[in-house]
Amino acid sequence: MSSTRTRLEDLASIAGVSIATVSRALNNSSAVNDETKRRVWKIAREHNYNFRPSMPALLSGAAATIAVVVPTLAGRQTEVSDPFFQELISGLSEAGRLAGCDVLISYLAPKNQDDLASIMTANRAEGVIFLGQSFLHERFNQLAETESRFIVWGAEIPGQKYCSIGSDNLRGGKRATSHLLNLGRRRIAFVGDTSNPEILQRYEGYISAHRRADIPLDADLTLQSSFDVESAEAAISSLMERGVTFDAVFGANDLIALATIRSLLREGVRVPDDVSVIGYDDLQLSAYGYPALSTNSQDPARAGRILVAKLIASVDTGSMRSERLPTELIVRESCGLS
């Protein structure tokens, strides 16, 4: 049914409610309960009826609209100002511009299944990109049973029913750790939040590299840290206060690695002479610190292009396939250049 032939009467008939109720629902009136609103919005969207609920529809004559949503992380709000998210959003925005699409950043932070369903039903965007899975993996699986208009930046997890695009975290983690081992480092600390699916895969790569090199693992060298400077510095300080010896640190992202360098230098530990440090992301700022940070590049510009292209293509095909993007090891001063 085309948008030129869809009338309020048609929507009312399909929804099984009065024309007045449909009109109120489309105008987000408080006189209509949320369940009915969502049902009417879903029907209107499916039949290309022109309406504007809580999220904006097409802007400035764009061919399509894509909404970008950042879920909460480990019970706290993920900061849209996180440097990696900033670079990824930049990649998404540029990809959207080239495709003639508006890219809208949503302030909503889904915490449960109802939140996810509400985001998908309460907007006319052609698709939604979620930046990160956080604890929502199973909820995304449930959402995939009724919705195909979304894609996730994040790890690919066994039993996954939805499409995700992300870097090859396992291989990236293994490559970073192997590089440190090849430099002769034998006491490598891993710092990151392994409750996060992507960080867990990087940690599994860290474990795999040790096993391949037949180097024993020490549980004291695995440190939990959030994606912020303060948490990482506290983790490194704790390691030194406990007298645990280490000669390298693999930070699960660049912020953690940069915080590690600052914490070590403050304590008079030389980087990389005494301790080598490597990160993950290759943020633009990572090349300009002292010493410049060795890291794994995820190429957010390419990630943005793939996320947008797959989402747009799915409008016609109704299906998407998950994809792992290769990472590149960037060796700089913080590991030692030998």
C-alpha atoms as a PDB file:
ATOM      1  CA  MET A   1       0.000   0.000   0.000  1.00  0.00           C
ATOM      2  CA  SER A   2       1.615   3.317  -1.064  1.00  0.00           C
ATOM      3  CA  SER A   3       1.685   6.468   1.023  1.00  0.00           C
ATOM      4  CA  THR A   4      -0.587   8.311  -1.488  1.00  0.00           C
ATOM      5  CA  ARG A   5      -3.381   5.789  -0.971  1.00  0.00           C
ATOM      6  CA  THR A   6      -3.051   5.203   2.770  1.00  0.00           C
ATOM      7  CA  ARG A   7      -5.689   7.105   4.756  1.00  0.00           C
ATOM      8  CA  LEU A   8      -6.521   7.407   8.440  1.00  0.00           C
ATOM      9  CA  GLU A   9      -9.520   5.172   7.733  1.00  0.00           C
ATOM     10  CA  ASP A  10      -7.181   2.468   6.410  1.00  0.00           C
ATOM     11  CA  LEU A  11      -4.962   2.604   9.484  1.00  0.00           C
ATOM     12  CA  ALA A  12      -7.980   2.536  11.796  1.00  0.00           C
ATOM     13  CA  SER A  13      -9.364  -0.524  10.043  1.00  0.00           C
ATOM     14  CA  ILE A  14      -6.066  -2.414  10.258  1.00  0.00           C
ATOM     15  CA  ALA A  15      -5.497  -1.442  13.887  1.00  0.00           C
ATOM     16  CA  GLY A  16      -9.081  -2.172  14.903  1.00  0.00           C
ATOM     17  CA  VAL A  17      -9.582   1.228  16.527  1.00  0.00           C
ATOM     18  CA  SER A  18     -11.481   4.401  15.682  1.00  0.00           C
ATOM     19  CA  ILE A  19     -10.234   7.073  13.294  1.00  0.00           C
ATOM     20  CA  ALA A  20     -10.093   9.505  16.225  1.00  0.00           C
ATOM     21  CA  THR A  21      -7.838   7.108  18.165  1.00  0.00           C
ATOM     22  CA  VAL A  22      -5.499   6.758  15.185  1.00  0.00           C
ATOM     23  CA  SER A  23      -5.321  10.541  14.819  1.00  0.00           C
ATOM     24  CA  ARG A  24      -4.554  10.992  18.514  1.00  0.00           C
ATOM     25  CA  ALA A  25      -1.953   8.189  18.447  1.00  0.00           C
ATOM     26  CA  LEU A  26      -0.151   9.694  15.452  1.00  0.00           C
ATOM     27  CA  ASN A  27      -0.018  13.011  17.298  1.00  0.00           C
ATOM     28  CA  ASN A  28       1.370  11.300  20.413  1.00  0.00           C
ATOM     29  CA  SER A  29      -1.632  12.320  22.515  1.00  0.00           C
ATOM     30  CA  SER A  30      -1.632  11.347  26.185  1.00  0.00           C
ATOM     31  CA  ALA A  31      -5.263  10.275  25.697  1.00  0.00           C
ATOM     32  CA  VAL A  32      -4.006   7.084  23.988  1.00  0.00           C
ATOM     33  CA  ASN A  33      -2.083   4.433  25.938  1.00  0.00           C
ATOM     34  CA  ASP A  34       1.487   3.579  24.915  1.00  0.00           C
ATOM     35  CA  GLU A  35       0.664   0.080  23.681  1.00  0.00           C
ATOM     36  CA  THR A  36      -1.940   1.376  21.238  1.00  0.00           C
ATOM     37  CA  LYS A  37       0.356   4.188  20.102  1.00  0.00           C
ATOM     38  CA  ARG A  38       3.148   1.772  19.301  1.00  0.00           C
ATOM     39  CA  ARG A  39       0.784  -0.514  17.395  1.00  0.00           C
ATOM     40  CA  VAL A  40      -0.591   2.374  15.347  1.00  0.00           C
ATOM     41  CA  TRP A  41       2.888   3.788  14.694  1.00  0.00           C
ATOM     42  CA  LYS A  42       4.123   0.367  13.549  1.00  0.00           C
ATOM     43  CA  ILE A  43       1.185  -0.024  11.148  1.00  0.00           C
ATOM     44  CA  ALA A  44       1.619   3.526   9.850  1.00  0.00           C
ATOM     45  CA  ARG A  45       5.313   2.962   9.259  1.00  0.00           C
ATOM     46  CA  GLU A  46       4.703  -0.352   7.479  1.00  0.00           C
ATOM     47  CA  HIS A  47       2.211   1.348   5.158  1.00  0.00           C
ATOM     48  CA  ASN A  48       4.377   4.424   4.546  1.00  0.00           C
ATOM     49  CA  TYR A  49       1.891   6.784   6.173  1.00  0.00           C
ATOM     50  CA  ASN A  50       3.475  10.217   6.620  1.00  0.00           C
ATOM     51  CA  PHE A  51       3.651  11.020  10.329  1.00  0.00           C
ATOM     52  CA  ARG A  52       6.159  12.275  12.928  1.00  0.00           C
ATOM     53  CA  PRO A  53       6.168  10.618  16.350  1.00  0.00           C
ATOM     54  CA  SER A  54       8.889  11.060  18.978  1.00  0.00           C
ATOM     55  CA  MET A  55      11.854  10.809  16.603  1.00  0.00           C
ATOM     56  CA  PRO A  56      12.050  13.124  13.578  1.00  0.00           C
ATOM     57  CA  ALA A  57      11.187  11.820  10.129  1.00  0.00           C
ATOM     58  CA  LEU A  58      13.026  12.829   6.973  1.00  0.00           C
ATOM     59  CA  LEU A  59      14.907  16.109   7.124  1.00  0.00           C
ATOM     60  CA  SER A  60      15.948  18.514   4.389  1.00  0.00           C
ATOM     61  CA  GLY A  61      14.779  16.299   1.552  1.00  0.00           C
ATOM     62  CA  ALA A  62      17.123  13.439   2.500  1.00  0.00           C
ATOM     63  CA  ALA A  63      16.502  10.079   0.866  1.00  0.00           C
ATOM     64  CA  ALA A  64      16.369   8.284   4.219  1.00  0.00           C
ATOM     65  CA  THR A  65      16.917   8.747   7.945  1.00  0.00           C
ATOM     66  CA  ILE A  66      19.125   6.624  10.197  1.00  0.00           C
ATOM     67  CA  ALA A  67      18.962   6.875  13.988  1.00  0.00           C
ATOM     68  CA  VAL A  68      22.076   6.166  16.080  1.00  0.00           C
ATOM     69  CA  VAL A  69      21.528   4.931  19.642  1.00  0.00           C
ATOM     70  CA  VAL A  70      24.144   4.357  22.360  1.00  0.00           C
ATOM     71  CA  PRO A  71      23.004   1.780  24.975  1.00  0.00           C
ATOM     72  CA  THR A  72      23.997   1.930  28.628  1.00  0.00           C
ATOM     73  CA  LEU A  73      27.159   0.045  29.535  1.00  0.00           C
ATOM     74  CA  ALA A  74      27.491  -2.154  32.611  1.00  0.00           C
ATOM     75  CA  GLY A  75      24.783  -0.257  34.456  1.00  0.00           C
ATOM     76  CA  ARG A  76      26.067   3.224  33.622  1.00  0.00           C
ATOM     77  CA  GLN A  77      25.503   5.597  30.760  1.00  0.00           C
ATOM     78  CA  THR A  78      27.965   5.154  27.915  1.00  0.00           C
ATOM     79  CA  GLU A  79      29.317   8.589  27.078  1.00  0.00           C
ATOM     80  CA  VAL A  80      28.637   9.707  23.514  1.00  0.00           C
ATOM     81  CA  SER A  81      31.708  11.917  24.065  1.00  0.00           C
ATOM     82  CA  ASP A  82      33.918   8.810  24.336  1.00  0.00           C
ATOM     83  CA  PRO A  83      36.703   9.445  21.779  1.00  0.00           C
ATOM     84  CA  PHE A  84      36.184   6.183  19.907  1.00  0.00           C
ATOM     85  CA  PHE A  85      32.416   6.719  19.671  1.00  0.00           C
ATOM     86  CA  GLN A  86      33.122  10.228  18.412  1.00  0.00           C
ATOM     87  CA  GLU A  87      35.277   8.856  15.611  1.00  0.00           C
ATOM     88  CA  LEU A  88      32.747   6.124  14.807  1.00  0.00           C
ATOM     89  CA  ILE A  89      29.871   8.625  14.748  1.00  0.00           C
ATOM     90  CA  SER A  90      31.969  10.797  12.438  1.00  0.00           C
ATOM     91  CA  GLY A  91      32.400   7.806  10.131  1.00  0.00           C
ATOM     92  CA  LEU A  92      28.668   7.098  10.234  1.00  0.00           C
ATOM     93  CA  SER A  93      27.799  10.726   9.520  1.00  0.00           C
ATOM     94  CA  GLU A  94      30.117  10.920   6.528  1.00  0.00           C
ATOM     95  CA  ALA A  95      28.797   7.609   5.174  1.00  0.00           C
ATOM     96  CA  GLY A  96      25.242   8.847   5.621  1.00  0.00           C
ATOM     97  CA  ARG A  97      26.037  12.112   3.828  1.00  0.00           C
ATOM     98  CA  LEU A  98      27.503  10.255   0.853  1.00  0.00           C
ATOM     99  CA  ALA A  99      24.418   8.013   0.742  1.00  0.00           C
ATOM    100  CA  GLY A 100      22.056  10.993   0.922  1.00  0.00           C
ATOM    101  CA  CYS A 101      20.810  10.076   4.395  1.00  0.00           C
ATOM    102  CA  ASP A 102      20.232  12.074   7.564  1.00  0.00           C
ATOM    103  CA  VAL A 103      22.001  10.565  10.581  1.00  0.00           C
ATOM    104  CA  LEU A 104      20.297  11.424  13.871  1.00  0.00           C
ATOM    105  CA  ILE A 105      21.942  10.871  17.260  1.00  0.00           C
ATOM    106  CA  SER A 106      19.322   9.756  19.766  1.00  0.00           C
ATOM    107  CA  TYR A 107      19.459  10.758  23.427  1.00  0.00           C
ATOM    108  CA  LEU A 108      17.617   7.546  24.370  1.00  0.00           C
ATOM    109  CA  ALA A 109      19.583   4.905  26.298  1.00  0.00           C
ATOM    110  CA  PRO A 110      17.793   1.516  26.172  1.00  0.00           C
ATOM    111  CA  LYS A 111      18.019  -0.515  29.355  1.00  0.00           C
ATOM    112  CA  ASN A 112      15.612  -3.385  28.666  1.00  0.00           C
ATOM    113  CA  GLN A 113      13.417  -5.102  26.072  1.00  0.00           C
ATOM    114  CA  ASP A 114      10.617  -2.551  26.363  1.00  0.00           C
ATOM    115  CA  ASP A 115      13.084   0.270  25.712  1.00  0.00           C
ATOM    116  CA  LEU A 116      14.373  -1.461  22.581  1.00  0.00           C
ATOM    117  CA  ALA A 117      10.847  -2.132  21.304  1.00  0.00           C
ATOM    118  CA  SER A 118       9.862   1.468  21.976  1.00  0.00           C
ATOM    119  CA  ILE A 119      12.847   2.814  20.044  1.00  0.00           C
ATOM    120  CA  MET A 120      12.008   0.648  17.049  1.00  0.00           C
ATOM    121  CA  THR A 121       8.275   1.366  17.010  1.00  0.00           C
ATOM    122  CA  ALA A 122       8.319   5.035  17.975  1.00  0.00           C
ATOM    123  CA  ASN A 123      10.233   6.379  14.990  1.00  0.00           C
ATOM    124  CA  ARG A 124      10.032   6.567  11.237  1.00  0.00           C
ATOM    125  CA  ALA A 125      13.741   6.168  10.650  1.00  0.00           C
ATOM    126  CA  GLU A 126      14.511   3.643   7.953  1.00  0.00           C
ATOM    127  CA  GLY A 127      16.882   1.944  10.354  1.00  0.00           C
ATOM    128  CA  VAL A 128      18.609   2.145  13.737  1.00  0.00           C
ATOM    129  CA  ILE A 129      22.295   1.626  14.489  1.00  0.00           C
ATOM    130  CA  PHE A 130      23.112   0.628  18.065  1.00  0.00           C
ATOM    131  CA  LEU A 131      26.674   1.415  19.117  1.00  0.00           C
ATOM    132  CA  GLY A 132      27.596  -1.491  21.374  1.00  0.00           C
ATOM    133  CA  GLN A 133      25.727  -4.446  22.822  1.00  0.00           C
ATOM    134  CA  SER A 134      26.427  -3.898  26.501  1.00  0.00           C
ATOM    135  CA  PHE A 135      24.148  -6.379  28.345  1.00  0.00           C
ATOM    136  CA  LEU A 136      21.491  -6.334  25.601  1.00  0.00           C
ATOM    137  CA  HIS A 137      22.587  -9.368  23.561  1.00  0.00           C
ATOM    138  CA  GLU A 138      19.618 -11.574  24.451  1.00  0.00           C
ATOM    139  CA  ARG A 139      17.240  -8.628  24.109  1.00  0.00           C
ATOM    140  CA  PHE A 140      18.609  -7.899  20.633  1.00  0.00           C
ATOM    141  CA  ASN A 141      17.954 -11.565  19.808  1.00  0.00           C
ATOM    142  CA  GLN A 142      14.332 -11.131  20.892  1.00  0.00           C
ATOM    143  CA  LEU A 143      14.022  -7.904  18.924  1.00  0.00           C
ATOM    144  CA  ALA A 144      15.318  -9.646  15.786  1.00  0.00           C
ATOM    145  CA  GLU A 145      12.291 -11.939  15.854  1.00  0.00           C
ATOM    146  CA  THR A 146      10.013  -9.017  14.961  1.00  0.00           C
ATOM    147  CA  GLU A 147      12.333  -6.298  13.604  1.00  0.00           C
ATOM    148  CA  SER A 148      14.915  -6.270  10.826  1.00  0.00           C
ATOM    149  CA  ARG A 149      15.560  -2.512  10.674  1.00  0.00           C
ATOM    150  CA  PHE A 150      18.512  -2.433  13.048  1.00  0.00           C
ATOM    151  CA  ILE A 151      22.189  -3.268  13.119  1.00  0.00           C
ATOM    152  CA  VAL A 152      24.679  -3.343  16.003  1.00  0.00           C
ATOM    153  CA  TRP A 153      28.291  -2.211  16.232  1.00  0.00           C
ATOM    154  CA  GLY A 154      29.795  -4.895  18.424  1.00  0.00           C
ATOM    155  CA  ALA A 155      31.082  -8.398  18.843  1.00  0.00           C
ATOM    156  CA  GLU A 156      29.618 -11.427  17.089  1.00  0.00           C
ATOM    157  CA  ILE A 157      28.397 -13.817  19.802  1.00  0.00           C
ATOM    158  CA  PRO A 158      27.446 -17.516  19.477  1.00  0.00           C
ATOM    159  CA  GLY A 159      23.690 -17.943  18.970  1.00  0.00           C
ATOM    160  CA  GLN A 160      23.318 -14.403  17.663  1.00  0.00           C
ATOM    161  CA  LYS A 161      20.158 -13.776  15.612  1.00  0.00           C
ATOM    162  CA  TYR A 162      20.815 -10.155  14.688  1.00  0.00           C
ATOM    163  CA  CYS A 163      23.452  -8.516  12.497  1.00  0.00           C
ATOM    164  CA  SER A 164      26.532  -6.990  14.090  1.00  0.00           C
ATOM    165  CA  ILE A 165      29.576  -5.325  12.597  1.00  0.00           C
ATOM    166  CA  GLY A 166      32.746  -5.082  14.625  1.00  0.00           C
ATOM    167  CA  SER A 167      36.472  -5.594  14.544  1.00  0.00           C
ATOM    168  CA  ASP A 168      38.089  -9.022  14.818  1.00  0.00           C
ATOM    169  CA  ASN A 169      38.658  -8.581  18.543  1.00  0.00           C
ATOM    170  CA  LEU A 170      40.008 -12.074  19.134  1.00  0.00           C
ATOM    171  CA  ARG A 171      42.674 -11.755  16.458  1.00  0.00           C
ATOM    172  CA  GLY A 172      43.442  -8.160  17.424  1.00  0.00           C
ATOM    173  CA  GLY A 173      43.945  -9.120  21.064  1.00  0.00           C
ATOM    174  CA  LYS A 174      46.120 -12.046  20.091  1.00  0.00           C
ATOM    175  CA  ARG A 175      48.240  -9.937  17.748  1.00  0.00           C
ATOM    176  CA  ALA A 176      48.797  -7.189  20.325  1.00  0.00           C
ATOM    177  CA  THR A 177      49.826  -9.689  23.012  1.00  0.00           C
ATOM    178  CA  SER A 178      52.039 -11.668  20.623  1.00  0.00           C
ATOM    179  CA  HIS A 179      53.868  -8.475  19.697  1.00  0.00           C
ATOM    180  CA  LEU A 180      54.669  -7.849  23.355  1.00  0.00           C
ATOM    181  CA  LEU A 181      55.789 -11.445  23.800  1.00  0.00           C
ATOM    182  CA  ASN A 182      58.008 -11.175  20.724  1.00  0.00           C
ATOM    183  CA  LEU A 183      59.660  -8.156  22.353  1.00  0.00           C
ATOM    184  CA  GLY A 184      60.647 -10.445  25.227  1.00  0.00           C
ATOM    185  CA  ARG A 185      57.951  -9.298  27.656  1.00  0.00           C
ATOM    186  CA  ARG A 186      56.762 -12.124  29.908  1.00  0.00           C
ATOM    187  CA  ARG A 187      54.663 -10.429  32.603  1.00  0.00           C
ATOM    188  CA  ILE A 188      51.912  -8.750  30.585  1.00  0.00           C
ATOM    189  CA  ALA A 189      48.986  -7.173  32.449  1.00  0.00           C
ATOM    190  CA  PHE A 190      45.576  -6.998  30.769  1.00  0.00           C
ATOM    191  CA  VAL A 191      43.431  -4.016  31.806  1.00  0.00           C
ATOM    192  CA  GLY A 192      39.766  -3.808  30.759  1.00  0.00           C
ATOM    193  CA  ASP A 193      36.149  -4.653  31.545  1.00  0.00           C
ATOM    194  CA  THR A 194      35.698  -8.278  30.498  1.00  0.00           C
ATOM    195  CA  SER A 195      31.935  -8.109  31.138  1.00  0.00           C
ATOM    196  CA  ASN A 196      31.801  -6.248  27.818  1.00  0.00           C
ATOM    197  CA  PRO A 197      31.544  -8.738  24.882  1.00  0.00           C
ATOM    198  CA  GLU A 198      34.169  -6.984  22.748  1.00  0.00           C
ATOM    199  CA  ILE A 199      36.654  -6.634  25.597  1.00  0.00           C
ATOM    200  CA  LEU A 200      36.126 -10.269  26.541  1.00  0.00           C
ATOM    201  CA  GLN A 201      37.112 -11.314  23.025  1.00  0.00           C
ATOM    202  CA  ARG A 202      40.275  -9.171  23.216  1.00  0.00           C
ATOM    203  CA  TYR A 203      41.051 -10.853  26.522  1.00  0.00           C
ATOM    204  CA  GLU A 204      40.538 -14.278  24.927  1.00  0.00           C
ATOM    205  CA  GLY A 205      43.083 -13.244  22.300  1.00  0.00           C
ATOM    206  CA  TYR A 206      45.461 -12.288  25.123  1.00  0.00           C
ATOM    207  CA  ILE A 207      45.011 -15.759  26.641  1.00  0.00           C
ATOM    208  CA  SER A 208      45.445 -17.469  23.260  1.00  0.00           C
ATOM    209  CA  ALA A 209      48.744 -15.688  22.587  1.00  0.00           C
ATOM    210  CA  HIS A 210      50.133 -16.800  25.958  1.00  0.00           C
ATOM    211  CA  ARG A 211      49.123 -20.394  25.357  1.00  0.00           C
ATOM    212  CA  ARG A 212      50.606 -20.395  21.867  1.00  0.00           C
ATOM    213  CA  ALA A 213      53.898 -19.108  23.275  1.00  0.00           C
ATOM    214  CA  ASP A 214      53.686 -21.557  26.192  1.00  0.00           C
ATOM    215  CA  ILE A 215      53.873 -18.681  28.663  1.00  0.00           C
ATOM    216  CA  PRO A 216      51.955 -19.258  31.926  1.00  0.00           C
ATOM    217  CA  LEU A 217      49.135 -16.871  32.830  1.00  0.00           C
ATOM    218  CA  ASP A 218      49.012 -15.091  36.172  1.00  0.00           C
ATOM    219  CA  ALA A 219      45.548 -14.134  37.458  1.00  0.00           C
ATOM    220  CA  ASP A 220      47.092 -11.182  39.311  1.00  0.00           C
ATOM    221  CA  LEU A 221      47.840  -9.601  35.942  1.00  0.00           C
ATOM    222  CA  THR A 222      44.171  -9.401  34.865  1.00  0.00           C
ATOM    223  CA  LEU A 223      42.746  -6.074  36.032  1.00  0.00           C
ATOM    224  CA  GLN A 224      39.148  -4.896  35.679  1.00  0.00           C
ATOM    225  CA  SER A 225      38.741  -1.311  34.527  1.00  0.00           C
ATOM    226  CA  SER A 226      35.989   0.833  33.030  1.00  0.00           C
ATOM    227  CA  PHE A 227      36.593   2.826  29.854  1.00  0.00           C
ATOM    228  CA  ASP A 228      37.838   5.916  31.650  1.00  0.00           C
ATOM    229  CA  VAL A 229      41.146   7.382  32.771  1.00  0.00           C
ATOM    230  CA  GLU A 230      40.422   7.353  36.513  1.00  0.00           C
ATOM    231  CA  SER A 231      39.468   3.673  36.617  1.00  0.00           C
ATOM    232  CA  ALA A 232      42.534   2.636  34.602  1.00  0.00           C
ATOM    233  CA  GLU A 233      44.918   4.684  36.745  1.00  0.00           C
ATOM    234  CA  ALA A 234      43.422   3.142  39.891  1.00  0.00           C
ATOM    235  CA  ALA A 235      43.934  -0.356  38.464  1.00  0.00           C
ATOM    236  CA  ILE A 236      47.602   0.276  37.663  1.00  0.00           C
ATOM    237  CA  SER A 237      48.201   1.930  41.046  1.00  0.00           C
ATOM    238  CA  SER A 238      46.673  -1.098  42.760  1.00  0.00           C
ATOM    239  CA  LEU A 239      48.950  -3.418  40.803  1.00  0.00           C
ATOM    240  CA  MET A 240      52.058  -1.521  41.906  1.00  0.00           C
ATOM    241  CA  GLU A 241      50.900  -1.165  45.508  1.00  0.00           C
ATOM    242  CA  ARG A 242      50.469  -4.937  45.726  1.00  0.00           C
ATOM    243  CA  GLY A 243      54.021  -5.399  44.505  1.00  0.00           C
ATOM    244  CA  VAL A 244      52.985  -7.448  41.446  1.00  0.00           C
ATOM    245  CA  THR A 245      55.802  -7.455  38.914  1.00  0.00           C
ATOM    246  CA  PHE A 246      54.971  -6.708  35.263  1.00  0.00           C
ATOM    247  CA  ASP A 247      56.901  -5.601  32.202  1.00  0.00           C
ATOM    248  CA  ALA A 248      54.050  -4.810  29.793  1.00  0.00           C
ATOM    249  CA  VAL A 249      50.423  -3.680  29.764  1.00  0.00           C
ATOM    250  CA  PHE A 250      47.741  -4.400  27.172  1.00  0.00           C
ATOM    251  CA  GLY A 251      45.034  -1.773  27.615  1.00  0.00           C
ATOM    252  CA  ALA A 252      41.688  -2.966  26.236  1.00  0.00           C
ATOM    253  CA  ASN A 253      41.215   0.457  24.637  1.00  0.00           C
ATOM    254  CA  ASP A 254      43.399   3.480  23.998  1.00  0.00           C
ATOM    255  CA  LEU A 255      42.039   5.535  26.902  1.00  0.00           C
ATOM    256  CA  ILE A 256      43.052   2.764  29.301  1.00  0.00           C
ATOM    257  CA  ALA A 257      46.490   2.492  27.674  1.00  0.00           C
ATOM    258  CA  LEU A 258      47.064   6.272  27.752  1.00  0.00           C
ATOM    259  CA  ALA A 259      46.015   6.402  31.407  1.00  0.00           C
ATOM    260  CA  THR A 260      48.421   3.537  32.094  1.00  0.00           C
ATOM    261  CA  ILE A 261      51.322   5.464  30.574  1.00  0.00           C
ATOM    262  CA  ARG A 262      50.492   8.532  32.643  1.00  0.00           C
ATOM    263  CA  SER A 263      50.231   6.488  35.832  1.00  0.00           C
ATOM    264  CA  LEU A 264      53.553   4.712  35.189  1.00  0.00           C
ATOM    265  CA  LEU A 265      55.452   7.879  34.322  1.00  0.00           C
ATOM    266  CA  ARG A 266      54.118   9.551  37.451  1.00  0.00           C
ATOM    267  CA  GLU A 267      55.646   6.723  39.503  1.00  0.00           C
ATOM    268  CA  GLY A 268      59.004   7.011  37.757  1.00  0.00           C
ATOM    269  CA  VAL A 269      58.512   3.893  35.620  1.00  0.00           C
ATOM    270  CA  ARG A 270      60.028   4.325  32.154  1.00  0.00           C
ATOM    271  CA  VAL A 271      57.898   3.538  29.099  1.00  0.00           C
ATOM    272  CA  PRO A 272      58.905   1.492  27.159  1.00  0.00           C
ATOM    273  CA  ASP A 273      62.267   0.772  28.823  1.00  0.00           C
ATOM    274  CA  ASP A 274      60.771  -0.728  31.978  1.00  0.00           C
ATOM    275  CA  VAL A 275      57.201  -1.414  30.815  1.00  0.00           C
ATOM    276  CA  SER A 276      55.831  -1.630  27.278  1.00  0.00           C
ATOM    277  CA  VAL A 277      52.253  -0.445  26.701  1.00  0.00           C
ATOM    278  CA  ILE A 278      49.832  -1.189  23.867  1.00  0.00           C
ATOM    279  CA  GLY A 279      46.197  -0.154  23.364  1.00  0.00           C
ATOM    280  CA  TYR A 280      43.263  -0.815  21.061  1.00  0.00           C
ATOM    281  CA  ASP A 281      41.345   1.642  18.784  1.00  0.00           C
ATOM    282  CA  ASP A 282      44.060   3.897  17.304  1.00  0.00           C
ATOM    283  CA  LEU A 283      42.357   7.107  18.366  1.00  0.00           C
ATOM    284  CA  GLN A 284      43.692  10.166  16.565  1.00  0.00           C
ATOM    285  CA  LEU A 285      45.150  11.491  19.820  1.00  0.00           C
ATOM    286  CA  SER A 286      47.116   8.258  20.409  1.00  0.00           C
ATOM    287  CA  ALA A 287      49.851   9.237  17.955  1.00  0.00           C
ATOM    288  CA  TYR A 288      50.488  12.588  19.649  1.00  0.00           C
ATOM    289  CA  GLY A 289      51.194  11.589  23.249  1.00  0.00           C
ATOM    290  CA  TYR A 290      54.640  10.933  24.654  1.00  0.00           C
ATOM    291  CA  PRO A 291      55.606   8.260  24.142  1.00  0.00           C
ATOM    292  CA  ALA A 292      53.303   7.758  21.130  1.00  0.00           C
ATOM    293  CA  LEU A 293      50.968   4.828  21.756  1.00  0.00           C
ATOM    294  CA  SER A 294      51.210   1.467  20.012  1.00  0.00           C
ATOM    295  CA  THR A 295      47.728   0.154  19.309  1.00  0.00           C
ATOM    296  CA  ASN A 296      45.313  -1.759  17.078  1.00  0.00           C
ATOM    297  CA  SER A 297      43.439   0.264  14.453  1.00  0.00           C
ATOM    298  CA  GLN A 298      39.708  -0.441  13.940  1.00  0.00           C
ATOM    299  CA  ASP A 299      39.188   2.037  11.040  1.00  0.00           C
ATOM    300  CA  PRO A 300      35.954   3.751  12.188  1.00  0.00           C
ATOM    301  CA  ALA A 301      35.498   5.417   8.779  1.00  0.00           C
ATOM    302  CA  ARG A 302      35.264   2.031   7.073  1.00  0.00           C
ATOM    303  CA  ALA A 303      33.073   0.712   9.879  1.00  0.00           C
ATOM    304  CA  GLY A 304      30.681   3.626   9.357  1.00  0.00           C
ATOM    305  CA  ARG A 305      30.441   2.956   5.621  1.00  0.00           C
ATOM    306  CA  ILE A 306      29.685  -0.735   6.148  1.00  0.00           C
ATOM    307  CA  LEU A 307      27.081  -0.126   8.870  1.00  0.00           C
ATOM    308  CA  VAL A 308      25.202   2.408   6.735  1.00  0.00           C
ATOM    309  CA  ALA A 309      25.472   0.365   3.522  1.00  0.00           C
ATOM    310  CA  LYS A 310      24.185  -2.825   5.128  1.00  0.00           C
ATOM    311  CA  LEU A 311      21.310  -1.027   6.831  1.00  0.00           C
ATOM    312  CA  ILE A 312      20.196   0.681   3.612  1.00  0.00           C
ATOM    313  CA  ALA A 313      20.496  -2.553   1.613  1.00  0.00           C
ATOM    314  CA  SER A 314      18.396  -4.427   4.168  1.00  0.00           C
ATOM    315  CA  VAL A 315      15.391  -2.223   3.339  1.00  0.00           C
ATOM    316  CA  ASP A 316      15.203  -4.067   0.010  1.00  0.00           C
ATOM    317  CA  THR A 317      16.533  -7.502   0.973  1.00  0.00           C
ATOM    318  CA  GLY A 318      15.196  -7.767   4.532  1.00  0.00           C
ATOM    319  CA  SER A 319      18.382  -9.489   5.671  1.00  0.00           C
ATOM    320  CA  MET A 320      21.931  -8.655   6.761  1.00  0.00           C
ATOM    321  CA  ARG A 321      25.002 -10.762   7.467  1.00  0.00           C
ATOM    322  CA  SER A 322      27.364 -10.055  10.350  1.00  0.00           C
ATOM    323  CA  GLU A 323      30.912  -9.112   9.463  1.00  0.00           C
ATOM    324  CA  ARG A 324      34.252  -8.956  11.282  1.00  0.00           C
ATOM    325  CA  LEU A 325      36.600  -6.181  10.176  1.00  0.00           C
ATOM    326  CA  PRO A 326      40.363  -6.759  10.255  1.00  0.00           C
ATOM    327  CA  THR A 327      42.504  -4.697  12.596  1.00  0.00           C
ATOM    328  CA  GLU A 328      45.973  -3.337  11.917  1.00  0.00           C
ATOM    329  CA  LEU A 329      48.766  -3.383  14.474  1.00  0.00           C
ATOM    330  CA  ILE A 330      50.243   0.119  14.741  1.00  0.00           C
ATOM    331  CA  VAL A 331      53.671   0.016  16.396  1.00  0.00           C
ATOM    332  CA  ARG A 332      54.859   3.263  17.955  1.00  0.00           C
ATOM    333  CA  GLU A 333      57.167   4.336  20.792  1.00  0.00           C
ATOM    334  CA  SER A 334      55.252   2.940  23.786  1.00  0.00           C
ATOM    335  CA  CYS A 335      56.221  -0.665  22.978  1.00  0.00           C
ATOM    336  CA  GLY A 336      59.767   0.017  21.850  1.00  0.00           C
ATOM    337  CA  LEU A 337      60.463  -0.054  18.143  1.00  0.00           C
ATOM    338  CA  SER A 338      62.713  -3.101  18.079  1.00  0.00           C
END
